[in-house]
Every structure is written in structure tokens, then in C-alpha cells.
């Protein structure tokens, strides 16, 4: 329930197309490219590409490789482990706007941010771990949602007052 509250806001606006236009502009300001738009049903999808490399993963990868190499030398085996690390990510946003009243002056906007992450190659003993493994993660950072809705509130206000 907390996720839905974080992802949803209500807006007073004169029309749903203006709200979708303002939403698209905010997503573009945040570095997203609009990949799909269906104004008749109040839907937007956007994406942006980023590196997924994290300092902590690189350190862990090196430490595990050094420790498993040392254990292999001492134990006489081949238990070297090279952990795959995150290489690339695509951050996605899906937005739905729907009217809350018959007059169309009140709308609910729900936006979901999630990311697709691709891993690099690795090794476990004699087994190679090929690159390209993917995973999907919901982005639950409240700050991202707050930033989006703060900008959208400002854009809706400016649109309503023709500023």
C-alpha cells in the first residue's frame, strides 16, 4: 500500500491531454525518451539508458577472485570465482492518468519506475558465466517519485495559468 501511495497523486486540471503533455515534458526533463504514448487511454511509457556499474560490486568481485584464487592454490583445486557485475541498465517509467470525476477536472496520475539490468561475464571454477543475464527491479526510492511529482505539480500549475 505504501508503494501505491508513493506512486500516485491527484491533480486539478482542465484536461487529460494537458496533464499527459506536462507528464511527458517532466519525464523528458529527467532524461527519459518517450517510447509509447496513448493519449486516448491516458498512458505514457518512457526509458533512459545508464551504466549500472557500482563501486561496491567491483570491490566484491576483486576480493572474491583473490580469496578463491588463494584457496585454490592452498587446496590444490580450481575453485576460482569471478562474480558477474551489473554493466548496463535501462530505467523505465510507465504512467497512467485517469479522470476521477465526470467533469474531467480532477485526475489521478500513477507512475511506476523500474529498471532492467544486464550483467557482465563471470566464472565459477571451470564454468564460464556468459554475459547478458537480465533482471528487472522496481525502483522504490521515494526521492525519485517525490522529484517527479514535484516537477509535475509545477508543470500543471504553469499550464493552468498559461505561464
Protein backbone atom coordinates (compact mmCIF):
# COMPACT_ATOMS: atom_id res chain seq x y z
CA UNK A 1 0.00 0.00 0.00
CA UNK A 2 2.90 2.36 0.73
CA UNK A 3 4.22 1.83 -2.82
CA UNK A 4 0.89 2.80 -4.37
CA UNK A 5 0.72 5.94 -2.21
CA UNK A 6 4.25 6.88 -3.28
CA UNK A 7 3.43 6.29 -6.96
CA UNK A 8 0.08 8.13 -7.10
CA UNK A 9 -1.04 11.77 -6.89
CA UNK A 10 -4.20 13.68 -7.72
CA UNK A 11 -4.27 16.85 -9.82
CA UNK A 12 -6.83 19.54 -10.58
CA UNK A 13 -6.55 20.29 -14.29
CA UNK A 14 -8.75 21.36 -17.16
CA UNK A 15 -7.99 18.36 -19.35
CA UNK A 16 -6.31 15.00 -19.51
CA UNK A 17 -4.30 15.81 -22.64
CA UNK A 18 -2.66 18.78 -20.91
CA UNK A 19 -1.81 16.54 -17.96
CA UNK A 20 -0.25 13.91 -20.24
CA UNK A 21 1.66 16.61 -22.10
CA UNK A 22 3.02 18.01 -18.82
CA UNK A 23 3.90 14.46 -17.68
CA UNK A 24 5.80 13.78 -20.91
CA UNK A 25 7.69 17.06 -20.56
CA UNK A 26 8.70 16.22 -16.97
CA UNK A 27 9.91 12.75 -17.98
CA UNK A 28 11.94 14.30 -20.81
CA UNK A 29 13.41 16.85 -18.38
CA UNK A 30 14.50 13.90 -16.23
CA UNK A 31 16.37 12.41 -19.21
CA UNK A 32 13.76 9.94 -20.43
CA UNK A 33 12.74 9.44 -24.05
CA UNK A 34 9.04 8.81 -24.66
CA UNK A 35 8.76 5.38 -26.27
CA UNK A 36 4.98 4.98 -26.28
CA UNK A 37 2.07 7.36 -25.92
CA UNK A 38 -1.65 6.56 -25.94
CA UNK A 39 -3.46 9.80 -25.04
CA UNK A 40 -6.92 8.26 -25.53
CA UNK A 41 -6.35 5.93 -22.59
CA UNK A 42 -4.02 8.22 -20.61
CA UNK A 43 -0.85 6.14 -20.95
CA UNK A 44 2.85 7.00 -21.40
CA UNK A 45 5.96 4.84 -21.42
CA UNK A 46 9.48 6.25 -21.34
CA UNK A 47 13.02 4.92 -20.97
CA UNK A 48 16.61 6.03 -20.49
CA UNK A 49 19.88 4.10 -20.67
CA UNK A 50 22.57 4.30 -17.99
CA UNK A 51 25.63 2.44 -16.76
CA UNK A 52 24.82 0.06 -13.92
CA UNK A 53 28.39 -0.27 -12.63
CA UNK A 54 28.71 0.19 -8.90
CA UNK A 55 31.93 0.62 -6.99
CA UNK A 56 30.94 -1.90 -4.31
CA UNK A 57 30.32 -4.65 -6.86
CA UNK A 58 33.77 -4.15 -8.39
CA UNK A 59 35.46 -4.38 -4.97
CA UNK A 60 33.50 -7.52 -4.07
CA UNK A 61 34.37 -9.07 -7.43
CA UNK A 62 38.11 -8.49 -6.87
CA UNK A 63 38.03 -9.70 -3.24
CA UNK A 64 36.15 -12.89 -4.12
CA UNK A 65 38.53 -13.59 -7.03
CA UNK A 66 41.61 -13.07 -4.82
CA UNK A 67 40.24 -15.20 -1.97
CA UNK A 68 39.11 -18.07 -4.21
CA UNK A 69 42.43 -17.99 -6.08
CA UNK A 70 44.31 -18.19 -2.77
CA UNK A 71 42.10 -21.07 -1.60
CA UNK A 72 42.64 -22.87 -4.92
CA UNK A 73 46.42 -22.55 -4.58
CA UNK A 74 46.37 -23.78 -0.97
CA UNK A 75 43.83 -26.55 -1.63
CA UNK A 76 45.24 -27.57 -4.99
CA UNK A 77 41.91 -27.22 -6.80
CA UNK A 78 40.39 -24.91 -9.36
CA UNK A 79 37.71 -23.07 -7.42
CA UNK A 80 38.35 -19.59 -8.78
CA UNK A 81 35.19 -17.49 -8.75
CA UNK A 82 34.82 -14.30 -10.74
CA UNK A 83 31.45 -12.79 -9.93
CA UNK A 84 29.48 -11.17 -12.76
CA UNK A 85 28.76 -7.48 -12.15
CA UNK A 86 26.00 -5.21 -13.39
CA UNK A 87 27.07 -3.50 -16.61
CA UNK A 88 24.15 -1.69 -18.16
CA UNK A 89 20.64 -0.65 -17.17
CA UNK A 90 17.56 0.70 -18.83
CA UNK A 91 15.40 2.77 -16.48
CA UNK A 92 11.73 2.74 -17.47
CA UNK A 93 8.71 4.78 -16.46
CA UNK A 94 5.10 3.78 -17.08
CA UNK A 95 2.45 6.41 -16.38
CA UNK A 96 -1.33 6.20 -16.33
CA UNK A 97 -3.61 9.22 -15.88
CA UNK A 98 -7.31 8.74 -15.29
CA UNK A 99 -10.17 11.12 -14.56
CA UNK A 100 -11.68 10.99 -11.08
CA UNK A 101 -14.86 12.95 -11.81
CA UNK A 102 -17.35 13.24 -14.67
CA UNK A 103 -16.34 16.84 -15.42
CA UNK A 104 -12.74 15.77 -16.07
CA UNK A 105 -11.31 18.43 -13.79
CA UNK A 106 -9.74 16.03 -11.31
CA UNK A 107 -7.24 13.33 -12.35
CA UNK A 108 -5.18 10.64 -10.72
CA UNK A 109 -1.65 10.04 -12.02
CA UNK A 110 0.23 6.86 -11.21
CA UNK A 111 3.82 6.42 -12.32
CA UNK A 112 5.98 3.31 -11.91
CA UNK A 113 9.76 3.41 -12.23
CA UNK A 114 11.64 0.16 -12.78
CA UNK A 115 14.92 -0.92 -14.30
CA UNK A 116 16.25 -3.73 -16.47
CA UNK A 117 19.83 -4.64 -15.55
CA UNK A 118 22.27 -6.62 -17.71
CA UNK A 119 25.19 -8.46 -16.07
CA UNK A 120 28.68 -8.96 -17.45
CA UNK A 121 30.56 -12.25 -17.67
CA UNK A 122 31.96 -14.24 -14.76
CA UNK A 123 33.45 -17.60 -13.84
CA UNK A 124 32.95 -20.28 -11.20
CA UNK A 125 35.75 -22.86 -11.29
CA UNK A 126 35.81 -24.23 -14.84
CA UNK A 127 32.31 -22.93 -15.63
CA UNK A 128 32.06 -19.69 -17.58
CA UNK A 129 29.09 -17.45 -16.80
CA UNK A 130 28.11 -15.75 -20.06
CA UNK A 131 27.26 -12.05 -20.17
CA UNK A 132 23.77 -10.83 -20.81
CA UNK A 133 21.80 -12.19 -17.85
CA UNK A 134 18.94 -9.80 -17.12
CA UNK A 135 16.83 -8.94 -14.14
CA UNK A 136 14.03 -6.47 -13.54
CA UNK A 137 13.80 -4.39 -10.36
CA UNK A 138 11.14 -2.00 -9.17
CA UNK A 139 12.59 1.33 -8.10
CA UNK A 140 11.25 2.04 -4.63
CA UNK A 141 13.32 5.13 -3.79
CA UNK A 142 10.79 7.67 -2.52
CA UNK A 143 13.02 10.54 -3.67
CA UNK A 144 12.58 9.66 -7.35
CA UNK A 145 8.80 9.70 -7.04
CA UNK A 146 8.85 12.92 -4.99
CA UNK A 147 11.08 14.61 -7.57
CA UNK A 148 8.80 13.54 -10.43
CA UNK A 149 5.59 14.68 -8.72
CA UNK A 150 7.11 17.98 -7.52
CA UNK A 151 8.06 18.80 -11.11
CA UNK A 152 4.70 17.62 -12.43
CA UNK A 153 2.84 19.80 -9.88
CA UNK A 154 4.84 22.79 -11.04
CA UNK A 155 4.22 21.99 -14.72
CA UNK A 156 0.46 21.55 -14.14
CA UNK A 157 0.33 24.87 -12.26
CA UNK A 158 2.18 26.68 -15.04
CA UNK A 159 -0.04 25.09 -17.70
CA UNK A 160 -3.22 26.04 -15.80
CA UNK A 161 -2.10 29.66 -15.51
CA UNK A 162 -0.69 29.81 -19.06
CA UNK A 163 2.72 30.86 -17.73
